[in-house]
Amino acid sequence: MMSAYAVVYAFVIVAVGFAAVTLGLAKVLRPSLPYARKESTYECGIPAVGSTEVKLNIRFHLYALLFVLFDVEVLYVYPWAVTSRELGTLALVEMAIFISILLLGLAFAWRKGALSWE
């Protein structure tokens, strides 16, 4: 009889083997017709002029990270809010500590100017 880990290893071997065989067959069977226009950066049919790099302000990434942070916070708070009556006052105190830590982090980011769009 196979152990629990042997089943997992078997699935991993089958998955890796399937991916390798599929990619290998695709490489062998597909046509290879490289030319300069095909390998150039896509610009809606218009030839690219200058550098095609797009440099974004770091603030876009910062706002995205802050959104993810507070979105994950909601994932922790929602189940607690659904069962808060059954959990008692200890759970209320723990959630107050959790939210206060998050608010301190938000206040710190706000004071450092991380939320200003200038």
PDB file of N, CA and C in Angstrom:
ATOM      1  N   MET A   1       0.839  -1.186   0.000  1.00  0.00           N
ATOM      2  CA  MET A   1       0.000   0.000   0.000  1.00  0.00           C
ATOM      3  C   MET A   1       0.884   1.250   0.000  1.00  0.00           C
ATOM      4  N   MET A   2       0.498   2.225  -0.793  1.00  0.00           N
ATOM      5  CA  MET A   2       1.300   3.445  -0.921  1.00  0.00           C
ATOM      6  C   MET A   2       1.034   4.371   0.262  1.00  0.00           C
ATOM      7  N   SER A   3       2.075   5.041   0.725  1.00  0.00           N
ATOM      8  CA  SER A   3       1.874   6.010   1.787  1.00  0.00           C
ATOM      9  C   SER A   3       1.275   7.288   1.207  1.00  0.00           C
ATOM     10  N   ALA A   4       0.867   8.201   2.078  1.00  0.00           N
ATOM     11  CA  ALA A   4       0.240   9.447   1.627  1.00  0.00           C
ATOM     12  C   ALA A   4       1.208  10.290   0.802  1.00  0.00           C
ATOM     13  N   TYR A   5       2.483  10.276   1.167  1.00  0.00           N
ATOM     14  CA  TYR A   5       3.459  11.060   0.421  1.00  0.00           C
ATOM     15  C   TYR A   5       3.739  10.468  -0.949  1.00  0.00           C
ATOM     16  N   ALA A   6       3.661   9.161  -1.073  1.00  0.00           N
ATOM     17  CA  ALA A   6       3.903   8.522  -2.362  1.00  0.00           C
ATOM     18  C   ALA A   6       2.849   8.942  -3.374  1.00  0.00           C
ATOM     19  N   VAL A   7       1.609   9.105  -2.932  1.00  0.00           N
ATOM     20  CA  VAL A   7       0.545   9.556  -3.828  1.00  0.00           C
ATOM     21  C   VAL A   7       0.827  10.978  -4.301  1.00  0.00           C
ATOM     22  N   VAL A   8       1.274  11.830  -3.393  1.00  0.00           N
ATOM     23  CA  VAL A   8       1.596  13.214  -3.763  1.00  0.00           C
ATOM     24  C   VAL A   8       2.766  13.232  -4.747  1.00  0.00           C
ATOM     25  N   TYR A   9       3.786  12.444  -4.469  1.00  0.00           N
ATOM     26  CA  TYR A   9       4.932  12.380  -5.383  1.00  0.00           C
ATOM     27  C   TYR A   9       4.513  11.869  -6.756  1.00  0.00           C
ATOM     28  N   ALA A  10       3.614  10.886  -6.777  1.00  0.00           N
ATOM     29  CA  ALA A  10       3.135  10.361  -8.055  1.00  0.00           C
ATOM     30  C   ALA A  10       2.410  11.447  -8.843  1.00  0.00           C
ATOM     31  N   PHE A  11       1.579  12.241  -8.170  1.00  0.00           N
ATOM     32  CA  PHE A  11       0.886  13.334  -8.846  1.00  0.00           C
ATOM     33  C   PHE A  11       1.865  14.384  -9.368  1.00  0.00           C
ATOM     34  N   VAL A  12       2.891  14.689  -8.599  1.00  0.00           N
ATOM     35  CA  VAL A  12       3.891  15.663  -9.035  1.00  0.00           C
ATOM     36  C   VAL A  12       4.639  15.147 -10.260  1.00  0.00           C
ATOM     37  N   ILE A  13       5.000  13.869 -10.245  1.00  0.00           N
ATOM     38  CA  ILE A  13       5.717  13.296 -11.385  1.00  0.00           C
ATOM     39  C   ILE A  13       4.842  13.293 -12.624  1.00  0.00           C
ATOM     40  N   VAL A  14       3.568  12.938 -12.470  1.00  0.00           N
ATOM     41  CA  VAL A  14       2.654  12.949 -13.613  1.00  0.00           C
ATOM     42  C   VAL A  14       2.466  14.374 -14.138  1.00  0.00           C
ATOM     43  N   ALA A  15       2.318  15.353 -13.246  1.00  0.00           N
ATOM     44  CA  ALA A  15       2.107  16.745 -13.676  1.00  0.00           C
ATOM     45  C   ALA A  15       3.333  17.282 -14.406  1.00  0.00           C
ATOM     46  N   VAL A  16       4.522  17.065 -13.855  1.00  0.00           N
ATOM     47  CA  VAL A  16       5.745  17.544 -14.493  1.00  0.00           C
ATOM     48  C   VAL A  16       5.966  16.826 -15.817  1.00  0.00           C
ATOM     49  N   GLY A  17       5.712  15.519 -15.855  1.00  0.00           N
ATOM     50  CA  GLY A  17       5.852  14.768 -17.096  1.00  0.00           C
ATOM     51  C   GLY A  17       4.885  15.238 -18.170  1.00  0.00           C
ATOM     52  N   PHE A  18       3.633  15.488 -17.785  1.00  0.00           N
ATOM     53  CA  PHE A  18       2.641  15.977 -18.743  1.00  0.00           C
ATOM     54  C   PHE A  18       3.060  17.329 -19.314  1.00  0.00           C
ATOM     55  N   ALA A  19       3.512  18.233 -18.435  1.00  0.00           N
ATOM     56  CA  ALA A  19       3.939  19.556 -18.901  1.00  0.00           C
ATOM     57  C   ALA A  19       5.143  19.441 -19.827  1.00  0.00           C
ATOM     58  N   ALA A  20       6.109  18.600 -19.471  1.00  0.00           N
ATOM     59  CA  ALA A  20       7.308  18.452 -20.302  1.00  0.00           C
ATOM     60  C   ALA A  20       6.970  17.848 -21.659  1.00  0.00           C
ATOM     61  N   VAL A  21       6.131  16.821 -21.677  1.00  0.00           N
ATOM     62  CA  VAL A  21       5.763  16.187 -22.948  1.00  0.00           C
ATOM     63  C   VAL A  21       4.970  17.152 -23.817  1.00  0.00           C
ATOM     64  N   THR A  22       4.022  17.880 -23.219  1.00  0.00           N
ATOM     65  CA  THR A  22       3.207  18.827 -23.981  1.00  0.00           C
ATOM     66  C   THR A  22       4.062  19.935 -24.583  1.00  0.00           C
ATOM     67  N   LEU A  23       4.954  20.516 -23.800  1.00  0.00           N
ATOM     68  CA  LEU A  23       5.815  21.579 -24.313  1.00  0.00           C
ATOM     69  C   LEU A  23       6.792  21.048 -25.366  1.00  0.00           C
ATOM     70  N   GLY A  24       7.307  19.847 -25.161  1.00  0.00           N
ATOM     71  CA  GLY A  24       8.211  19.259 -26.145  1.00  0.00           C
ATOM     72  C   GLY A  24       7.512  19.002 -27.476  1.00  0.00           C
ATOM     73  N   LEU A  25       6.295  18.448 -27.424  1.00  0.00           N
ATOM     74  CA  LEU A  25       5.532  18.221 -28.653  1.00  0.00           C
ATOM     75  C   LEU A  25       5.199  19.533 -29.353  1.00  0.00           C
ATOM     76  N   ALA A  26       4.854  20.559 -28.585  1.00  0.00           N
ATOM     77  CA  ALA A  26       4.544  21.856 -29.191  1.00  0.00           C
ATOM     78  C   ALA A  26       5.768  22.423 -29.897  1.00  0.00           C
ATOM     79  N   LYS A  27       6.939  22.269 -29.299  1.00  0.00           N
ATOM     80  CA  LYS A  27       8.160  22.793 -29.924  1.00  0.00           C
ATOM     81  C   LYS A  27       8.485  22.032 -31.209  1.00  0.00           C
ATOM     82  N   VAL A  28       8.250  20.742 -31.227  1.00  0.00           N
ATOM     83  CA  VAL A  28       8.559  19.932 -32.405  1.00  0.00           C
ATOM     84  C   VAL A  28       7.546  20.175 -33.517  1.00  0.00           C
ATOM     85  N   LEU A  29       6.277  20.304 -33.188  1.00  0.00           N
ATOM     86  CA  LEU A  29       5.224  20.362 -34.201  1.00  0.00           C
ATOM     87  C   LEU A  29       4.922  21.757 -34.745  1.00  0.00           C
ATOM     88  N   ARG A  30       5.235  22.802 -34.000  1.00  0.00           N
ATOM     89  CA  ARG A  30       4.872  24.139 -34.473  1.00  0.00           C
ATOM     90  C   ARG A  30       5.834  24.625 -35.550  1.00  0.00           C
ATOM     91  N   PRO A  31       5.344  25.471 -36.445  1.00  0.00           N
ATOM     92  CA  PRO A  31       6.254  26.029 -37.452  1.00  0.00           C
ATOM     93  C   PRO A  31       7.138  27.113 -36.834  1.00  0.00           C
ATOM     94  N   SER A  32       8.352  27.193 -37.270  1.00  0.00           N
ATOM     95  CA  SER A  32       9.283  28.205 -36.779  1.00  0.00           C
ATOM     96  C   SER A  32       9.656  29.116 -37.940  1.00  0.00           C
ATOM     97  N   LEU A  33       9.036  30.288 -37.994  1.00  0.00           N
ATOM     98  CA  LEU A  33       9.286  31.250 -39.064  1.00  0.00           C
ATOM     99  C   LEU A  33       9.633  32.613 -38.451  1.00  0.00           C
ATOM    100  N   PRO A  34      10.822  32.767 -37.878  1.00  0.00           N
ATOM    101  CA  PRO A  34      11.170  34.047 -37.262  1.00  0.00           C
ATOM    102  C   PRO A  34      11.523  35.106 -38.311  1.00  0.00           C
ATOM    103  N   TYR A  35      11.063  36.313 -38.078  1.00  0.00           N
ATOM    104  CA  TYR A  35      11.500  37.460 -38.870  1.00  0.00           C
ATOM    105  C   TYR A  35      11.371  38.700 -37.992  1.00  0.00           C
ATOM    106  N   ALA A  36      12.018  39.781 -38.406  1.00  0.00           N
ATOM    107  CA  ALA A  36      12.184  40.947 -37.544  1.00  0.00           C
ATOM    108  C   ALA A  36      10.857  41.565 -37.111  1.00  0.00           C
ATOM    109  N   ARG A  37       9.901  41.685 -38.020  1.00  0.00           N
ATOM    110  CA  ARG A  37       8.643  42.334 -37.664  1.00  0.00           C
ATOM    111  C   ARG A  37       7.845  41.494 -36.664  1.00  0.00           C
ATOM    112  N   LYS A  38       7.938  40.189 -36.789  1.00  0.00           N
ATOM    113  CA  LYS A  38       7.232  39.300 -35.880  1.00  0.00           C
ATOM    114  C   LYS A  38       7.809  39.380 -34.469  1.00  0.00           C
ATOM    115  N   GLU A  39       9.091  39.577 -34.349  1.00  0.00           N
ATOM    116  CA  GLU A  39       9.739  39.606 -33.050  1.00  0.00           C
ATOM    117  C   GLU A  39       9.840  41.005 -32.459  1.00  0.00           C
ATOM    118  N   SER A  40       9.318  42.017 -33.138  1.00  0.00           N
ATOM    119  CA  SER A  40       9.373  43.376 -32.601  1.00  0.00           C
ATOM    120  C   SER A  40       8.260  43.581 -31.569  1.00  0.00           C
ATOM    121  N   THR A  41       8.377  44.661 -30.813  1.00  0.00           N
ATOM    122  CA  THR A  41       7.385  44.977 -29.800  1.00  0.00           C
ATOM    123  C   THR A  41       6.091  45.388 -30.467  1.00  0.00           C
ATOM    124  N   TYR A  42       4.970  44.888 -29.964  1.00  0.00           N
ATOM    125  CA  TYR A  42       3.666  45.186 -30.558  1.00  0.00           C
ATOM    126  C   TYR A  42       3.226  46.589 -30.167  1.00  0.00           C
ATOM    127  N   GLU A  43       2.960  47.419 -31.146  1.00  0.00           N
ATOM    128  CA  GLU A  43       2.517  48.798 -30.914  1.00  0.00           C
ATOM    129  C   GLU A  43       1.308  49.115 -31.786  1.00  0.00           C
ATOM    130  N   CYS A  44       0.308  48.254 -31.787  1.00  0.00           N
ATOM    131  CA  CYS A  44      -0.938  48.479 -32.520  1.00  0.00           C
ATOM    132  C   CYS A  44      -0.712  48.652 -34.019  1.00  0.00           C
ATOM    133  N   GLY A  45       0.245  47.959 -34.585  1.00  0.00           N
ATOM    134  CA  GLY A  45       0.481  48.034 -36.010  1.00  0.00           C
ATOM    135  C   GLY A  45       1.375  49.179 -36.438  1.00  0.00           C
ATOM    136  N   ILE A  46       1.718  50.064 -35.528  1.00  0.00           N
ATOM    137  CA  ILE A  46       2.574  51.202 -35.841  1.00  0.00           C
ATOM    138  C   ILE A  46       3.998  50.851 -35.420  1.00  0.00           C
ATOM    139  N   PRO A  47       4.979  51.102 -36.259  1.00  0.00           N
ATOM    140  CA  PRO A  47       6.363  50.808 -35.865  1.00  0.00           C
ATOM    141  C   PRO A  47       6.755  51.600 -34.616  1.00  0.00           C
ATOM    142  N   ALA A  48       7.473  50.946 -33.728  1.00  0.00           N
ATOM    143  CA  ALA A  48       7.882  51.578 -32.479  1.00  0.00           C
ATOM    144  C   ALA A  48       8.917  52.660 -32.747  1.00  0.00           C
ATOM    145  N   VAL A  49       8.786  53.789 -32.050  1.00  0.00           N
ATOM    146  CA  VAL A  49       9.722  54.890 -32.165  1.00  0.00           C
ATOM    147  C   VAL A  49      10.354  55.095 -30.795  1.00  0.00           C
ATOM    148  N   GLY A  50      11.638  55.016 -30.713  1.00  0.00           N
ATOM    149  CA  GLY A  50      12.322  55.212 -29.445  1.00  0.00           C
ATOM    150  C   GLY A  50      12.236  53.975 -28.566  1.00  0.00           C
ATOM    151  N   SER A  51      12.392  54.178 -27.282  1.00  0.00           N
ATOM    152  CA  SER A  51      12.355  53.080 -26.328  1.00  0.00           C
ATOM    153  C   SER A  51      10.915  52.641 -26.088  1.00  0.00           C
ATOM    154  N   THR A  52      10.702  51.362 -25.976  1.00  0.00           N
ATOM    155  CA  THR A  52       9.347  50.851 -25.727  1.00  0.00           C
ATOM    156  C   THR A  52       9.114  50.566 -24.248  1.00  0.00           C
ATOM    157  N   GLU A  53      10.064  50.929 -23.391  1.00  0.00           N
ATOM    158  CA  GLU A  53       9.884  50.731 -21.959  1.00  0.00           C
ATOM    159  C   GLU A  53       8.911  51.766 -21.414  1.00  0.00           C
ATOM    160  N   VAL A  54       8.081  51.319 -20.486  1.00  0.00           N
ATOM    161  CA  VAL A  54       7.158  52.219 -19.810  1.00  0.00           C
ATOM    162  C   VAL A  54       7.618  52.305 -18.363  1.00  0.00           C
ATOM    163  N   LYS A  55       8.023  53.490 -17.951  1.00  0.00           N
ATOM    164  CA  LYS A  55       8.499  53.670 -16.587  1.00  0.00           C
ATOM    165  C   LYS A  55       7.357  54.204 -15.737  1.00  0.00           C
ATOM    166  N   LEU A  56       6.960  53.424 -14.735  1.00  0.00           N
ATOM    167  CA  LEU A  56       5.878  53.809 -13.851  1.00  0.00           C
ATOM    168  C   LEU A  56       6.431  54.399 -12.567  1.00  0.00           C
ATOM    169  N   ASN A  57       5.676  55.284 -12.004  1.00  0.00           N
ATOM    170  CA  ASN A  57       6.042  55.864 -10.733  1.00  0.00           C
ATOM    171  C   ASN A  57       5.906  54.793  -9.649  1.00  0.00           C
ATOM    172  N   ILE A  58       6.781  54.803  -8.679  1.00  0.00           N
ATOM    173  CA  ILE A  58       6.758  53.821  -7.607  1.00  0.00           C
ATOM    174  C   ILE A  58       5.487  53.944  -6.778  1.00  0.00           C
ATOM    175  N   ARG A  59       4.826  55.090  -6.825  1.00  0.00           N
ATOM    176  CA  ARG A  59       3.597  55.282  -6.050  1.00  0.00           C
ATOM    177  C   ARG A  59       2.481  54.341  -6.511  1.00  0.00           C
ATOM    178  N   PHE A  60       2.456  53.982  -7.785  1.00  0.00           N
ATOM    179  CA  PHE A  60       1.451  53.027  -8.255  1.00  0.00           C
ATOM    180  C   PHE A  60       1.603  51.704  -7.513  1.00  0.00           C
ATOM    181  N   HIS A  61       2.839  51.252  -7.372  1.00  0.00           N
ATOM    182  CA  HIS A  61       3.093  49.991  -6.687  1.00  0.00           C
ATOM    183  C   HIS A  61       2.782  50.111  -5.204  1.00  0.00           C
ATOM    184  N   LEU A  62       3.087  51.256  -4.615  1.00  0.00           N
ATOM    185  CA  LEU A  62       2.818  51.462  -3.203  1.00  0.00           C
ATOM    186  C   LEU A  62       1.323  51.427  -2.916  1.00  0.00           C
ATOM    187  N   TYR A  63       0.541  52.091  -3.751  1.00  0.00           N
ATOM    188  CA  TYR A  63      -0.911  52.050  -3.570  1.00  0.00           C
ATOM    189  C   TYR A  63      -1.442  50.632  -3.765  1.00  0.00           C
ATOM    190  N   ALA A  64      -0.891  49.896  -4.704  1.00  0.00           N
ATOM    191  CA  ALA A  64      -1.332  48.517  -4.915  1.00  0.00           C
ATOM    192  C   ALA A  64      -1.017  47.651  -3.698  1.00  0.00           C
ATOM    193  N   LEU A  65       0.160  47.836  -3.112  1.00  0.00           N
ATOM    194  CA  LEU A  65       0.515  47.068  -1.924  1.00  0.00           C
ATOM    195  C   LEU A  65      -0.358  47.432  -0.735  1.00  0.00           C
ATOM    196  N   LEU A  66      -0.651  48.723  -0.580  1.00  0.00           N
ATOM    197  CA  LEU A  66      -1.536  49.125   0.510  1.00  0.00           C
ATOM    198  C   LEU A  66      -2.943  48.569   0.309  1.00  0.00           C
ATOM    199  N   PHE A  67      -3.411  48.536  -0.938  1.00  0.00           N
ATOM    200  CA  PHE A  67      -4.720  47.948  -1.208  1.00  0.00           C
ATOM    201  C   PHE A  67      -4.734  46.473  -0.832  1.00  0.00           C
ATOM    202  N   VAL A  68      -3.685  45.740  -1.206  1.00  0.00           N
ATOM    203  CA  VAL A  68      -3.615  44.323  -0.873  1.00  0.00           C
ATOM    204  C   VAL A  68      -3.566  44.138   0.637  1.00  0.00           C
ATOM    205  N   LEU A  69      -2.824  44.984   1.332  1.00  0.00           N
ATOM    206  CA  LEU A  69      -2.733  44.898   2.784  1.00  0.00           C
ATOM    207  C   LEU A  69      -4.107  45.024   3.427  1.00  0.00           C
ATOM    208  N   PHE A  70      -4.867  46.033   3.047  1.00  0.00           N
ATOM    209  CA  PHE A  70      -6.163  46.239   3.670  1.00  0.00           C
ATOM    210  C   PHE A  70      -7.208  45.268   3.130  1.00  0.00           C
ATOM    211  N   ASP A  71      -7.003  44.725   1.961  1.00  0.00           N
ATOM    212  CA  ASP A  71      -7.889  43.689   1.450  1.00  0.00           C
ATOM    213  C   ASP A  71      -7.698  42.404   2.248  1.00  0.00           C
ATOM    214  N   VAL A  72      -6.467  42.068   2.566  1.00  0.00           N
ATOM    215  CA  VAL A  72      -6.201  40.895   3.394  1.00  0.00           C
ATOM    216  C   VAL A  72      -6.735  41.122   4.805  1.00  0.00           C
ATOM    217  N   GLU A  73      -6.682  42.348   5.282  1.00  0.00           N
ATOM    218  CA  GLU A  73      -7.252  42.655   6.594  1.00  0.00           C
ATOM    219  C   GLU A  73      -8.734  42.312   6.619  1.00  0.00           C
ATOM    220  N   VAL A  74      -9.448  42.623   5.560  1.00  0.00           N
ATOM    221  CA  VAL A  74     -10.871  42.303   5.494  1.00  0.00           C
ATOM    222  C   VAL A  74     -11.074  40.795   5.549  1.00  0.00           C
ATOM    223  N   LEU A  75     -10.167  40.033   4.944  1.00  0.00           N
ATOM    224  CA  LEU A  75     -10.280  38.574   4.999  1.00  0.00           C
ATOM    225  C   LEU A  75     -10.154  38.048   6.422  1.00  0.00           C
ATOM    226  N   TYR A  76      -9.423  38.743   7.282  1.00  0.00           N
ATOM    227  CA  TYR A  76      -9.318  38.337   8.676  1.00  0.00           C
ATOM    228  C   TYR A  76     -10.475  38.865   9.512  1.00  0.00           C
ATOM    229  N   VAL A  77     -10.967  40.036   9.206  1.00  0.00           N
ATOM    230  CA  VAL A  77     -12.001  40.654  10.036  1.00  0.00           C
ATOM    231  C   VAL A  77     -13.376  40.067   9.751  1.00  0.00           C
ATOM    232  N   TYR A  78     -13.674  39.714   8.509  1.00  0.00           N
ATOM    233  CA  TYR A  78     -15.027  39.259   8.161  1.00  0.00           C
ATOM    234  C   TYR A  78     -15.439  37.985   8.906  1.00  0.00           C
ATOM    235  N   PRO A  79     -14.621  36.919   8.920  1.00  0.00           N
ATOM    236  CA  PRO A  79     -15.046  35.731   9.677  1.00  0.00           C
ATOM    237  C   PRO A  79     -15.207  36.020  11.164  1.00  0.00           C
ATOM    238  N   TRP A  80     -14.359  36.897  11.682  1.00  0.00           N
ATOM    239  CA  TRP A  80     -14.491  37.257  13.085  1.00  0.00           C
ATOM    240  C   TRP A  80     -15.815  37.977  13.326  1.00  0.00           C
ATOM    241  N   ALA A  81     -16.196  38.882  12.419  1.00  0.00           N
ATOM    242  CA  ALA A  81     -17.430  39.637  12.591  1.00  0.00           C
ATOM    243  C   ALA A  81     -18.650  38.724  12.520  1.00  0.00           C
ATOM    244  N   VAL A  82     -18.585  37.683  11.715  1.00  0.00           N
ATOM    245  CA  VAL A  82     -19.715  36.766  11.606  1.00  0.00           C
ATOM    246  C   VAL A  82     -19.913  35.985  12.894  1.00  0.00           C
ATOM    247  N   THR A  83     -18.827  35.607  13.558  1.00  0.00           N
ATOM    248  CA  THR A  83     -18.919  34.782  14.764  1.00  0.00           C
ATOM    249  C   THR A  83     -18.549  35.540  16.027  1.00  0.00           C
ATOM    250  N   SER A  84     -18.622  36.848  16.019  1.00  0.00           N
ATOM    251  CA  SER A  84     -18.141  37.626  17.173  1.00  0.00           C
ATOM    252  C   SER A  84     -18.978  37.415  18.422  1.00  0.00           C
ATOM    253  N   ARG A  85     -20.268  37.184  18.296  1.00  0.00           N
ATOM    254  CA  ARG A  85     -21.101  36.978  19.496  1.00  0.00           C
ATOM    255  C   ARG A  85     -20.736  35.690  20.213  1.00  0.00           C
ATOM    256  N   GLU A  86     -20.377  34.669  19.469  1.00  0.00           N
ATOM    257  CA  GLU A  86     -20.047  33.388  20.081  1.00  0.00           C
ATOM    258  C   GLU A  86     -18.631  33.364  20.657  1.00  0.00           C
ATOM    259  N   LEU A  87     -17.756  34.226  20.175  1.00  0.00           N
ATOM    260  CA  LEU A  87     -16.360  34.191  20.592  1.00  0.00           C
ATOM    261  C   LEU A  87     -16.113  34.863  21.936  1.00  0.00           C
ATOM    262  N   GLY A  88     -16.908  35.841  22.284  1.00  0.00           N
ATOM    263  CA  GLY A  88     -16.761  36.484  23.587  1.00  0.00           C
ATOM    264  C   GLY A  88     -15.896  37.725  23.556  1.00  0.00           C
ATOM    265  N   THR A  89     -15.630  38.235  24.773  1.00  0.00           N
ATOM    266  CA  THR A  89     -14.904  39.495  24.884  1.00  0.00           C
ATOM    267  C   THR A  89     -13.414  39.342  24.598  1.00  0.00           C
ATOM    268  N   LEU A  90     -12.846  38.175  24.832  1.00  0.00           N
ATOM    269  CA  LEU A  90     -11.425  37.987  24.533  1.00  0.00           C
ATOM    270  C   LEU A  90     -11.167  38.174  23.041  1.00  0.00           C
ATOM    271  N   ALA A  91     -12.052  37.651  22.202  1.00  0.00           N
ATOM    272  CA  ALA A  91     -11.907  37.834  20.753  1.00  0.00           C
ATOM    273  C   ALA A  91     -12.074  39.298  20.373  1.00  0.00           C
ATOM    274  N   LEU A  92     -12.946  40.011  21.075  1.00  0.00           N
ATOM    275  CA  LEU A  92     -13.120  41.445  20.820  1.00  0.00           C
ATOM    276  C   LEU A  92     -11.841  42.203  21.140  1.00  0.00           C
ATOM    277  N   VAL A  93     -11.211  41.862  22.239  1.00  0.00           N
ATOM    278  CA  VAL A  93      -9.957  42.521  22.618  1.00  0.00           C
ATOM    279  C   VAL A  93      -8.855  42.191  21.607  1.00  0.00           C
ATOM    280  N   GLU A  94      -8.787  40.929  21.187  1.00  0.00           N
ATOM    281  CA  GLU A  94      -7.775  40.549  20.202  1.00  0.00           C
ATOM    282  C   GLU A  94      -7.979  41.276  18.878  1.00  0.00           C
ATOM    283  N   MET A  95      -9.218  41.420  18.445  1.00  0.00           N
ATOM    284  CA  MET A  95      -9.482  42.126  17.188  1.00  0.00           C
ATOM    285  C   MET A  95      -9.180  43.613  17.336  1.00  0.00           C
ATOM    286  N   ALA A  96      -9.446  44.177  18.502  1.00  0.00           N
ATOM    287  CA  ALA A  96      -9.112  45.586  18.726  1.00  0.00           C
ATOM    288  C   ALA A  96      -7.602  45.793  18.653  1.00  0.00           C
ATOM    289  N   ILE A  97      -6.837  44.857  19.196  1.00  0.00           N
ATOM    290  CA  ILE A  97      -5.372  44.947  19.118  1.00  0.00           C
ATOM    291  C   ILE A  97      -4.924  44.829  17.665  1.00  0.00           C
ATOM    292  N   PHE A  98      -5.497  43.888  16.918  1.00  0.00           N
ATOM    293  CA  PHE A  98      -5.143  43.693  15.510  1.00  0.00           C
ATOM    294  C   PHE A  98      -5.424  44.945  14.694  1.00  0.00           C
ATOM    295  N   ILE A  99      -6.604  45.526  14.865  1.00  0.00           N
ATOM    296  CA  ILE A  99      -6.970  46.721  14.090  1.00  0.00           C
ATOM    297  C   ILE A  99      -6.137  47.921  14.524  1.00  0.00           C
ATOM    298  N   SER A 100      -5.811  48.006  15.814  1.00  0.00           N
ATOM    299  CA  SER A 100      -4.979  49.138  16.249  1.00  0.00           C
ATOM    300  C   SER A 100      -3.567  49.038  15.671  1.00  0.00           C
ATOM    301  N   ILE A 101      -3.027  47.827  15.552  1.00  0.00           N
ATOM    302  CA  ILE A 101      -1.715  47.665  14.921  1.00  0.00           C
ATOM    303  C   ILE A 101      -1.771  48.109  13.465  1.00  0.00           C
ATOM    304  N   LEU A 102      -2.839  47.733  12.763  1.00  0.00           N
ATOM    305  CA  LEU A 102      -2.984  48.156  11.372  1.00  0.00           C
ATOM    306  C   LEU A 102      -3.150  49.669  11.262  1.00  0.00           C
ATOM    307  N   LEU A 103      -3.901  50.261  12.164  1.00  0.00           N
ATOM    308  CA  LEU A 103      -4.073  51.718  12.135  1.00  0.00           C
ATOM    309  C   LEU A 103      -2.762  52.440  12.456  1.00  0.00           C
ATOM    310  N   LEU A 104      -1.961  51.876  13.346  1.00  0.00           N
ATOM    311  CA  LEU A 104      -0.648  52.477  13.616  1.00  0.00           C
ATOM    312  C   LEU A 104       0.240  52.417  12.373  1.00  0.00           C
ATOM    313  N   GLY A 105       0.187  51.307  11.657  1.00  0.00           N
ATOM    314  CA  GLY A 105       0.952  51.205  10.410  1.00  0.00           C
ATOM    315  C   GLY A 105       0.469  52.202   9.377  1.00  0.00           C
ATOM    316  N   LEU A 106      -0.849  52.384   9.277  1.00  0.00           N
ATOM    317  CA  LEU A 106      -1.395  53.371   8.346  1.00  0.00           C
ATOM    318  C   LEU A 106      -0.984  54.784   8.737  1.00  0.00           C
ATOM    319  N   ALA A 107      -1.036  55.086  10.035  1.00  0.00           N
ATOM    320  CA  ALA A 107      -0.621  56.414  10.496  1.00  0.00           C
ATOM    321  C   ALA A 107       0.862  56.644  10.216  1.00  0.00           C
ATOM    322  N   PHE A 108       1.676  55.627  10.394  1.00  0.00           N
ATOM    323  CA  PHE A 108       3.106  55.745  10.109  1.00  0.00           C
ATOM    324  C   PHE A 108       3.338  56.034   8.630  1.00  0.00           C
ATOM    325  N   ALA A 109       2.641  55.289   7.754  1.00  0.00           N
ATOM    326  CA  ALA A 109       2.791  55.504   6.312  1.00  0.00           C
ATOM    327  C   ALA A 109       2.295  56.892   5.927  1.00  0.00           C
ATOM    328  N   TRP A 110       1.217  57.333   6.545  1.00  0.00           N
ATOM    329  CA  TRP A 110       0.669  58.652   6.244  1.00  0.00           C
ATOM    330  C   TRP A 110       1.648  59.745   6.682  1.00  0.00           C
ATOM    331  N   ARG A 111       2.239  59.589   7.873  1.00  0.00           N
ATOM    332  CA  ARG A 111       3.172  60.593   8.383  1.00  0.00           C
ATOM    333  C   ARG A 111       4.435  60.666   7.535  1.00  0.00           C
ATOM    334  N   LYS A 112       4.890  59.525   7.018  1.00  0.00           N
ATOM    335  CA  LYS A 112       6.096  59.495   6.175  1.00  0.00           C
ATOM    336  C   LYS A 112       5.829  60.058   4.781  1.00  0.00           C
ATOM    337  N   GLY A 113       4.554  60.315   4.441  1.00  0.00           N
ATOM    338  CA  GLY A 113       4.233  60.875   3.142  1.00  0.00           C
ATOM    339  C   GLY A 113       4.044  59.834   2.054  1.00  0.00           C
ATOM    340  N   ALA A 114       3.854  58.580   2.461  1.00  0.00           N
ATOM    341  CA  ALA A 114       3.710  57.514   1.486  1.00  0.00           C
ATOM    342  C   ALA A 114       2.369  57.584   0.754  1.00  0.00           C
ATOM    343  N   LEU A 115       1.410  58.273   1.304  1.00  0.00           N
ATOM    344  CA  LEU A 115       0.082  58.340   0.694  1.00  0.00           C
ATOM    345  C   LEU A 115      -0.149  59.623  -0.085  1.00  0.00           C
ATOM    346  N   SER A 116       0.815  60.510  -0.112  1.00  0.00           N
ATOM    347  CA  SER A 116       0.635  61.753  -0.870  1.00  0.00           C
ATOM    348  C   SER A 116       0.988  61.508  -2.337  1.00  0.00           C
ATOM    349  N   TRP A 117       0.227  62.077  -3.221  1.00  0.00           N
ATOM    350  CA  TRP A 117       0.399  61.852  -4.660  1.00  0.00           C
ATOM    351  C   TRP A 117       1.048  63.081  -5.298  1.00  0.00           C
ATOM    352  N   GLU A 118       2.229  63.395  -4.888  1.00  0.00           N
ATOM    353  CA  GLU A 118       2.906  64.587  -5.412  1.00  0.00           C
ATOM    354  C   GLU A 118       4.163  64.209  -6.126  1.00  0.00           C
TER     355      GLU A 118
END
